[in-house]
Amino acid sequence: MVLKRIISQIYRRLFNLVATVFPVRQHVVLFEAFNGKIPSDNPLYVYQALRTVHPEWKLVWGVKRDLVEGAKQKYPEMIIVPRFSIKWLKVAPVAEFWILNARMPYWLKKNRRTTYVQTWHGTPLKRLGIDIHNVSMPGTNTNDYRHNFATESKRWDYLIAPNEFSKKIFSRAFVFNNQFLDYGYPRNDRLVHQANDYKVIAKIKEKIVGNKKGRIILYAPTWRDDFFVRQGTYKMTLPFSLANFVNLLGEDDVLIIRPHYLVAASINIKGFEKKVRICVNEDINDLYLISDLLITDYSSVMFDYAILNRPMLFYPYDLAHYQDEIRGFYFDYNKVPGPVVTDEASFYEQIKVFLNKGLFSGYLERLGDFRKKFTTWERGTSSERVVKLIENISCNKKGRD
């Protein structure tokens, strides 16, 4: 343990020395998603757009060591290096751009010539950053969490905002005073373009669930900060009976569970594999596109899914506890664009309503208002606009050099 701490300290000092002394390497870009998870989310879509127009650039993904092989199998064309390895050290401190959707460890210095584009990863329903009154996550406390968040956000040169609502909250919660990019999210470009592309949807559906016939119900809840086993390990218990749920479904219908990656390993679907899938590493846009109904609680998936103009059901079974004791919300939860149920019996009743009617009565107008507030910046051009920004910045740097 002592040796490990010594090695870690040496690594940190070496990283910060390289970042302080060495110049950036032009056209080298470091991408990361969710602190080293398999490439996904906004950074993935920026990567794909940048690689299309500049295949000659060196685009590198930092991935946690235990996920590297899986990432390489899924994306064999990518340059993937283990996060915090020597290979990563050769890239991160001298990359011309960092494109990330979560925080970089605050103890690593950013090269003064590196441009840090923070994409973030969702419209906030739950309180964020310094707005969290009581941080219950293990390994930190409220004061340290707020300080580290504010320290990190000062390094962000650009921050993507998906809508005006998020922009106002990000400005305060992240203590962000640099430049916003009012682009909408890169990950949502596909939803804009493919929402009604039924050939594409059928192809994805067959790949993920094996058939094109039945309805797909997507359950995508958030994680609970206080449901932890130990630091970095969380748990989840489904708030409904899989047996009861499956009994409601038609012959070809499928329930897809998309858990937060922190709790995926704790979900058991043994005995229900024919009607239930757990999808953790699939592109969530694929899951959105093939689903007929989204069930969630406090997850920001509701804002992206609204682009598709499809029904949603909200099952916040621990609403009072979550709202008052864990995070707190930025707006009235009862204004979400679908029925809100907090007990299991009511949950099944609403599932029956959807399966019988295909929608929920009285919610079309509310969904329209929700879309006006949260999706008007989503025009299908965000990835392209980020790439143009990167090109202009790189060109200007070269001119100054």
Protein backbone atom coordinates (compact mmCIF):
# COMPACT_ATOMS: atom_id res chain seq x y z
CA MET A 1 0.00 0.00 0.00
CA VAL A 2 2.85 2.37 0.89
CA LEU A 3 4.66 1.53 -2.35
CA LYS A 4 1.45 2.16 -4.31
CA ARG A 5 1.08 5.62 -2.77
CA ILE A 6 4.71 6.45 -3.56
CA ILE A 7 4.28 5.38 -7.20
CA SER A 8 1.09 7.44 -7.44
CA GLN A 9 2.84 10.54 -6.10
CA ILE A 10 5.72 10.09 -8.57
CA TYR A 11 3.23 9.70 -11.44
CA ARG A 12 1.36 12.85 -10.47
CA ARG A 13 4.53 14.90 -10.27
CA LEU A 14 5.74 13.57 -13.60
CA PHE A 15 2.39 14.38 -15.26
CA ASN A 16 2.38 17.91 -13.90
CA LEU A 17 6.01 18.43 -14.92
CA VAL A 18 5.26 17.38 -18.51
CA ALA A 19 2.13 19.56 -18.60
CA THR A 20 4.09 22.54 -17.30
CA VAL A 21 7.25 22.26 -19.39
CA PHE A 22 6.34 20.61 -22.70
CA PRO A 23 4.41 22.25 -25.56
CA VAL A 24 1.17 20.70 -26.82
CA ARG A 25 1.26 18.41 -29.84
CA GLN A 26 -0.90 19.83 -32.58
CA HIS A 27 -3.82 17.69 -33.76
CA VAL A 28 -3.58 15.33 -30.79
CA VAL A 29 -6.92 14.97 -29.02
CA LEU A 30 -7.67 13.08 -25.80
CA PHE A 31 -11.20 11.71 -25.41
CA GLU A 32 -12.72 10.21 -22.29
CA ALA A 33 -16.24 9.28 -21.20
CA PHE A 34 -17.38 8.89 -17.60
CA ASN A 35 -13.86 8.83 -16.17
CA GLY A 36 -12.53 6.06 -18.38
CA LYS A 37 -15.56 3.96 -19.28
CA ILE A 38 -15.92 2.40 -22.76
CA PRO A 39 -16.22 5.22 -25.37
CA SER A 40 -19.74 6.64 -25.36
CA ASP A 41 -21.93 9.69 -24.92
CA ASN A 42 -21.11 13.16 -26.26
CA PRO A 43 -17.34 12.58 -26.63
CA LEU A 44 -17.99 9.56 -28.87
CA TYR A 45 -20.09 11.59 -31.30
CA VAL A 46 -17.54 14.40 -31.41
CA TYR A 47 -14.85 11.78 -32.03
CA GLN A 48 -16.77 10.24 -34.92
CA ALA A 49 -17.40 13.61 -36.54
CA LEU A 50 -13.78 14.73 -36.11
CA ARG A 51 -12.39 11.43 -37.41
CA THR A 52 -14.57 11.73 -40.51
CA VAL A 53 -13.14 15.10 -41.53
CA HIS A 54 -9.62 14.65 -40.13
CA PRO A 55 -8.55 11.00 -40.28
CA GLU A 56 -4.95 12.22 -40.15
CA TRP A 57 -5.30 13.63 -36.63
CA LYS A 58 -4.23 11.53 -33.64
CA LEU A 59 -7.40 10.86 -31.66
CA VAL A 60 -6.78 8.91 -28.45
CA TRP A 61 -9.22 7.40 -25.96
CA GLY A 62 -8.32 7.03 -22.28
CA VAL A 63 -10.05 3.94 -20.84
CA LYS A 64 -9.75 2.22 -17.47
CA ARG A 65 -7.29 -0.64 -17.62
CA ASP A 66 -9.85 -3.37 -16.93
CA LEU A 67 -12.09 -2.08 -19.75
CA VAL A 68 -9.43 -1.65 -22.43
CA GLU A 69 -9.88 -5.07 -24.07
CA GLY A 70 -13.64 -4.68 -24.25
CA ALA A 71 -13.26 -1.19 -25.71
CA LYS A 72 -10.82 -2.43 -28.36
CA GLN A 73 -13.18 -5.23 -29.35
CA LYS A 74 -16.06 -2.82 -29.72
CA TYR A 75 -14.05 -0.08 -31.45
CA PRO A 76 -11.06 -1.76 -33.16
CA GLU A 77 -10.37 1.35 -35.23
CA MET A 78 -9.68 3.51 -32.17
CA ILE A 79 -6.40 4.33 -30.47
CA ILE A 80 -7.18 3.22 -26.92
CA VAL A 81 -4.72 3.53 -24.03
CA PRO A 82 -5.11 2.57 -20.37
CA ARG A 83 -5.99 5.60 -18.27
CA PHE A 84 -3.08 6.74 -16.04
CA SER A 85 -0.64 4.41 -17.83
CA ILE A 86 2.69 5.49 -19.30
CA LYS A 87 1.03 5.58 -22.75
CA TRP A 88 -1.66 7.87 -21.36
CA LEU A 89 1.05 10.04 -19.79
CA LYS A 90 2.56 10.54 -23.25
CA VAL A 91 -0.75 11.98 -24.51
CA ALA A 92 -2.81 13.65 -21.78
CA PRO A 93 -0.36 16.37 -20.64
CA VAL A 94 0.48 17.45 -24.20
CA ALA A 95 -2.80 16.91 -26.08
CA GLU A 96 -4.01 19.94 -27.98
CA PHE A 97 -7.58 19.19 -26.88
CA TRP A 98 -9.32 17.36 -24.08
CA ILE A 99 -12.87 16.29 -24.96
CA LEU A 100 -14.49 14.89 -21.80
CA ASN A 101 -17.96 14.46 -20.36
CA ALA A 102 -16.95 14.18 -16.70
CA ARG A 103 -14.28 15.69 -14.51
CA MET A 104 -10.56 15.15 -14.88
CA PRO A 105 -8.82 14.59 -11.52
CA TYR A 106 -8.23 18.07 -10.11
CA TRP A 107 -4.66 17.25 -9.05
CA LEU A 108 -3.54 16.93 -12.70
CA LYS A 109 -2.46 20.21 -14.23
CA LYS A 110 -3.75 21.22 -17.63
CA ASN A 111 -1.15 22.36 -20.12
CA ARG A 112 -1.75 26.07 -20.67
CA ARG A 113 -2.00 25.45 -24.42
CA THR A 114 -4.47 22.56 -24.09
CA THR A 115 -8.08 23.47 -24.88
CA TYR A 116 -10.51 21.67 -22.60
CA VAL A 117 -13.98 21.12 -24.08
CA GLN A 118 -16.33 19.82 -21.40
CA THR A 119 -19.43 18.25 -22.94
CA TRP A 120 -21.06 17.13 -19.66
CA HIS A 121 -23.68 14.39 -19.90
CA GLY A 122 -27.23 15.56 -19.31
CA THR A 123 -29.82 18.22 -18.59
CA PRO A 124 -30.01 18.51 -14.80
CA LEU A 125 -33.14 17.49 -12.95
CA LYS A 126 -31.13 16.67 -9.81
CA ARG A 127 -28.95 19.25 -8.08
CA LEU A 128 -25.34 19.38 -9.25
CA GLY A 129 -21.96 20.57 -8.08
CA ILE A 130 -22.03 23.23 -5.41
CA ASP A 131 -25.85 23.16 -5.40
CA ILE A 132 -25.85 19.78 -3.62
CA HIS A 133 -26.60 20.62 0.00
CA ASN A 134 -25.45 17.33 1.48
CA VAL A 135 -23.01 15.13 -0.44
CA SER A 136 -23.61 11.51 0.64
CA MET A 137 -21.15 9.82 -1.71
CA PRO A 138 -18.36 7.87 0.04
CA GLY A 139 -14.79 9.13 -0.05
CA THR A 140 -15.63 12.82 0.17
CA ASN A 141 -17.65 15.38 2.11
CA THR A 142 -19.76 18.33 1.06
CA ASN A 143 -17.06 21.00 1.43
CA ASP A 144 -14.35 19.00 -0.35
CA TYR A 145 -16.73 17.99 -3.13
CA ARG A 146 -17.75 21.59 -3.78
CA HIS A 147 -14.18 22.86 -3.66
CA ASN A 148 -12.89 20.20 -6.05
CA PHE A 149 -15.78 20.81 -8.46
CA ALA A 150 -15.15 24.56 -8.55
CA THR A 151 -11.41 23.99 -9.00
CA GLU A 152 -12.01 21.63 -11.90
CA SER A 153 -14.52 23.84 -13.73
CA LYS A 154 -12.04 26.71 -13.89
CA ARG A 155 -10.03 24.57 -16.33
CA TRP A 156 -12.94 24.15 -18.74
CA ASP A 157 -12.41 26.47 -21.68
CA TYR A 158 -15.76 25.53 -23.21
CA LEU A 159 -18.88 23.89 -21.82
CA ILE A 160 -21.65 22.52 -24.04
CA ALA A 161 -25.19 23.42 -22.97
CA PRO A 162 -28.17 21.41 -24.28
CA ASN A 163 -30.71 24.13 -23.53
CA GLU A 164 -31.18 27.50 -21.83
CA PHE A 165 -32.43 25.83 -18.65
CA SER A 166 -29.18 23.85 -18.30
CA LYS A 167 -27.01 26.84 -19.18
CA LYS A 168 -28.32 28.86 -16.25
CA ILE A 169 -27.88 25.98 -13.83
CA PHE A 170 -24.42 25.02 -15.08
CA SER A 171 -23.23 28.58 -14.71
CA ARG A 172 -24.05 28.56 -11.02
CA ALA A 173 -23.65 24.92 -10.00
CA PHE A 174 -20.29 24.52 -11.75
CA VAL A 175 -19.10 28.06 -10.96
CA PHE A 176 -18.40 28.28 -14.69
CA ASN A 177 -17.29 31.63 -16.09
CA ASN A 178 -15.77 30.70 -19.44
CA GLN A 179 -17.52 30.19 -22.80
CA PHE A 180 -20.72 28.22 -23.25
CA LEU A 181 -21.47 26.41 -26.49
CA ASP A 182 -25.23 26.70 -27.04
CA TYR A 183 -25.25 23.76 -29.44
CA GLY A 184 -27.45 21.06 -27.96
CA TYR A 185 -25.77 17.72 -27.28
CA PRO A 186 -23.65 15.88 -29.88
CA ARG A 187 -25.11 12.57 -28.75
CA ASN A 188 -28.60 13.80 -29.69
CA ASP A 189 -27.79 14.50 -33.34
CA ARG A 190 -28.74 10.90 -34.16
CA LEU A 191 -32.09 11.21 -32.40
CA VAL A 192 -32.94 14.25 -34.48
CA HIS A 193 -32.04 12.57 -37.76
CA GLN A 194 -33.24 9.00 -37.10
CA ALA A 195 -36.36 9.46 -34.95
CA ASN A 196 -38.60 8.30 -37.81
CA ASP A 197 -36.13 6.26 -39.85
CA TYR A 198 -37.96 2.97 -39.50
CA LYS A 199 -35.47 0.94 -41.55
CA VAL A 200 -32.63 1.97 -39.24
CA ILE A 201 -34.79 1.36 -36.18
CA ALA A 202 -35.79 -2.14 -37.36
CA LYS A 203 -32.16 -3.05 -37.97
CA ILE A 204 -31.09 -1.91 -34.49
CA LYS A 205 -34.04 -3.69 -32.89
CA GLU A 206 -33.20 -6.99 -34.53
CA LYS A 207 -29.57 -6.66 -33.43
CA ILE A 208 -30.37 -5.94 -29.78
CA VAL A 209 -33.50 -8.04 -29.06
CA GLY A 210 -33.49 -10.51 -31.95
CA ASN A 211 -36.81 -9.60 -33.56
CA LYS A 212 -38.63 -6.67 -35.14
CA LYS A 213 -42.17 -7.44 -33.99
CA GLY A 214 -42.92 -6.66 -30.36
CA ARG A 215 -42.94 -3.49 -28.33
CA ILE A 216 -39.89 -2.40 -26.40
CA ILE A 217 -40.20 -0.89 -22.95
CA LEU A 218 -37.04 0.81 -21.72
CA TYR A 219 -36.46 1.14 -17.97
CA ALA A 220 -33.64 3.61 -17.34
CA PRO A 221 -33.48 4.76 -13.71
CA THR A 222 -30.81 6.86 -12.12
CA TRP A 223 -28.50 5.73 -9.33
CA ARG A 224 -28.81 6.63 -5.68
CA ASP A 225 -25.80 8.37 -4.13
CA ASP A 226 -26.46 6.74 -0.74
CA PHE A 227 -26.93 3.15 -1.98
CA PHE A 228 -23.26 2.27 -1.77
CA VAL A 229 -21.52 -0.90 -0.66
CA ARG A 230 -18.13 0.77 -0.49
CA GLN A 231 -16.38 3.63 -2.27
CA GLY A 232 -16.96 3.27 -6.04
CA THR A 233 -19.39 0.34 -5.62
CA TYR A 234 -23.16 0.84 -5.54
CA LYS A 235 -26.17 -1.45 -5.49
CA MET A 236 -29.68 -1.49 -6.93
CA THR A 237 -32.81 -3.47 -6.16
CA LEU A 238 -35.55 -3.35 -8.78
CA PRO A 239 -38.62 -1.57 -7.36
CA PHE A 240 -40.99 -4.02 -9.05
CA SER A 241 -41.36 -7.76 -9.56
CA LEU A 242 -39.95 -9.02 -12.84
CA ALA A 243 -42.45 -11.87 -12.77
CA ASN A 244 -45.40 -9.49 -12.44
CA PHE A 245 -44.04 -7.16 -15.11
CA VAL A 246 -43.32 -9.91 -17.62
CA ASN A 247 -46.81 -11.37 -17.13
CA LEU A 248 -48.25 -8.10 -18.48
CA LEU A 249 -46.25 -8.20 -21.71
CA GLY A 250 -47.35 -9.54 -25.06
CA GLU A 251 -45.67 -12.52 -26.68
CA ASP A 252 -43.01 -10.52 -28.52
CA ASP A 253 -42.69 -7.58 -26.10
CA VAL A 254 -39.35 -7.03 -24.34
CA LEU A 255 -38.29 -5.08 -21.27
CA ILE A 256 -34.84 -3.52 -21.56
CA ILE A 257 -33.21 -2.42 -18.31
CA ARG A 258 -30.57 0.26 -18.74
CA PRO A 259 -29.07 0.69 -15.26
CA HIS A 260 -26.47 3.24 -14.31
CA TYR A 261 -23.11 1.59 -14.88
CA LEU A 262 -22.32 1.85 -11.16
CA VAL A 263 -25.13 -0.56 -10.21
CA ALA A 264 -25.43 -2.86 -13.23
CA ALA A 265 -23.70 -5.83 -11.59
CA SER A 266 -26.23 -5.91 -8.74
CA ILE A 267 -29.29 -6.62 -10.96
CA ASN A 268 -30.43 -10.24 -11.29
CA ILE A 269 -32.72 -11.26 -14.18
CA LYS A 270 -32.17 -15.01 -13.89
CA GLY A 271 -35.19 -16.89 -15.22
CA PHE A 272 -36.44 -13.95 -17.30
CA GLU A 273 -33.76 -13.77 -19.99
CA LYS A 274 -36.23 -14.34 -22.84
CA LYS A 275 -38.30 -11.27 -22.00
CA VAL A 276 -35.77 -9.05 -20.21
CA ARG A 277 -32.43 -7.64 -21.30
CA ILE A 278 -29.85 -5.70 -19.33
CA CYS A 279 -28.09 -3.30 -21.69
CA VAL A 280 -25.16 -1.44 -20.17
CA ASN A 281 -22.61 -0.96 -22.94
CA GLU A 282 -25.01 -0.46 -25.85
CA ASP A 283 -25.27 3.07 -27.20
CA ILE A 284 -28.24 4.45 -25.29
CA ASN A 285 -29.39 6.21 -28.47
CA ASP A 286 -29.98 2.77 -29.97
CA LEU A 287 -32.14 1.92 -26.96
CA TYR A 288 -34.08 5.17 -27.28
CA LEU A 289 -34.72 4.66 -30.97
CA ILE A 290 -36.13 1.13 -30.63
CA SER A 291 -38.22 1.75 -27.51
CA ASP A 292 -41.93 2.53 -27.51
CA LEU A 293 -42.05 3.64 -23.87
CA LEU A 294 -39.46 5.06 -21.49
CA ILE A 295 -39.78 4.40 -17.76
CA THR A 296 -37.50 6.43 -15.53
CA ASP A 297 -37.38 8.28 -12.25
CA TYR A 298 -34.89 11.14 -11.85
CA SER A 299 -32.58 10.42 -14.77
CA SER A 300 -31.76 13.03 -17.40
CA VAL A 301 -32.73 10.44 -20.04
CA MET A 302 -36.18 12.08 -20.03
CA PHE A 303 -34.81 15.19 -21.72
CA ASP A 304 -33.11 13.31 -24.56
CA TYR A 305 -36.02 10.92 -25.05
CA ALA A 306 -38.41 13.86 -25.42
CA ILE A 307 -36.80 14.55 -28.80
CA LEU A 308 -38.55 11.41 -30.09
CA ASN A 309 -41.97 12.65 -28.97
CA ARG A 310 -42.86 9.27 -27.46
CA PRO A 311 -44.64 8.43 -24.17
CA MET A 312 -42.87 8.32 -20.82
CA LEU A 313 -43.84 6.89 -17.43
CA PHE A 314 -42.25 8.12 -14.19
CA TYR A 315 -41.78 5.77 -11.25
CA PRO A 316 -40.06 7.69 -8.43
CA TYR A 317 -40.79 5.13 -5.72
CA ASP A 318 -38.57 6.99 -3.22
CA LEU A 319 -39.55 10.50 -4.22
CA ALA A 320 -39.75 12.10 -0.78
CA HIS A 321 -36.42 10.64 0.34
CA TYR A 322 -34.60 11.49 -2.88
CA GLN A 323 -36.00 14.98 -3.22
CA ASP A 324 -35.53 16.05 0.38
CA GLU A 325 -32.53 14.10 1.64
CA ILE A 326 -30.24 13.08 -1.24
CA ARG A 327 -30.12 15.59 -4.08
CA GLY A 328 -33.12 17.87 -4.46
CA PHE A 329 -34.58 19.04 -7.78
CA TYR A 330 -34.35 22.12 -9.97
CA PHE A 331 -38.01 22.13 -10.96
CA ASP A 332 -41.39 20.77 -9.91
CA TYR A 333 -41.19 17.04 -10.49
CA ASN A 334 -44.94 16.82 -10.94
CA LYS A 335 -44.55 18.70 -14.23
CA VAL A 336 -42.72 15.86 -15.95
CA PRO A 337 -44.44 14.87 -19.25
CA GLY A 338 -46.05 11.61 -18.17
CA PRO A 339 -47.88 9.89 -15.33
CA VAL A 340 -46.08 9.84 -11.97
CA VAL A 341 -46.56 6.75 -9.79
CA THR A 342 -44.87 6.02 -6.48
CA ASP A 343 -46.19 2.56 -5.56
CA GLU A 344 -45.94 -0.79 -7.30
CA ALA A 345 -49.67 -1.38 -7.80
CA SER A 346 -50.12 1.97 -9.57
CA PHE A 347 -47.04 1.24 -11.62
CA TYR A 348 -48.55 -1.95 -13.05
CA GLU A 349 -51.82 -0.16 -13.76
CA GLN A 350 -50.06 2.45 -15.89
CA ILE A 351 -48.13 -0.26 -17.73
CA LYS A 352 -51.49 -1.85 -18.59
CA VAL A 353 -52.78 1.52 -19.86
CA PHE A 354 -49.81 1.87 -22.19
CA LEU A 355 -49.97 -1.71 -23.45
CA ASN A 356 -53.69 -1.32 -24.20
CA LYS A 357 -53.69 2.20 -25.66
CA GLY A 358 -50.11 2.97 -26.72
CA LEU A 359 -50.11 6.29 -24.87
CA PHE A 360 -51.27 8.03 -21.70
CA SER A 361 -54.38 10.17 -21.94
CA GLY A 362 -53.93 13.89 -21.38
CA TYR A 363 -50.14 14.06 -21.66
CA LEU A 364 -49.58 15.09 -25.29
CA GLU A 365 -49.87 18.80 -24.51
CA ARG A 366 -47.57 18.51 -21.51
CA LEU A 367 -45.00 16.66 -23.62
CA GLY A 368 -45.19 19.43 -26.21
CA ASP A 369 -44.50 22.08 -23.57
CA PHE A 370 -41.64 19.98 -22.21
CA ARG A 371 -40.10 19.71 -25.67
CA LYS A 372 -40.30 23.47 -26.21
CA LYS A 373 -38.43 24.09 -22.98
CA PHE A 374 -35.73 21.44 -23.27
CA THR A 375 -35.17 20.34 -26.89
CA THR A 376 -35.29 23.43 -29.14
CA TRP A 377 -31.49 23.66 -29.31
CA GLU A 378 -31.32 20.08 -30.61
CA ARG A 379 -31.02 20.59 -34.37
CA GLY A 380 -28.83 17.65 -35.33
CA THR A 381 -25.73 19.81 -35.91
CA SER A 382 -23.96 19.84 -32.54
CA SER A 383 -21.14 17.43 -33.44
CA GLU A 384 -20.43 19.34 -36.62
CA ARG A 385 -20.30 22.65 -34.77
CA VAL A 386 -17.90 21.32 -32.13
CA VAL A 387 -15.60 20.04 -34.87
CA LYS A 388 -15.60 23.43 -36.60
CA LEU A 389 -14.72 25.07 -33.29
CA ILE A 390 -11.83 22.64 -32.80
CA GLU A 391 -10.55 23.31 -36.32
CA ASN A 392 -10.65 27.07 -35.81
CA ILE A 393 -8.88 26.91 -32.46
CA SER A 394 -6.16 24.64 -33.82
CA CYS A 395 -5.67 26.88 -36.85
CA ASN A 396 -5.38 29.98 -34.69
CA LYS A 397 -2.86 28.29 -32.38
CA LYS A 398 -0.73 27.37 -35.36
CA GLY A 399 -0.91 30.94 -36.61
CA ARG A 400 0.29 32.30 -33.27
CA ASP A 401 3.13 29.77 -33.17
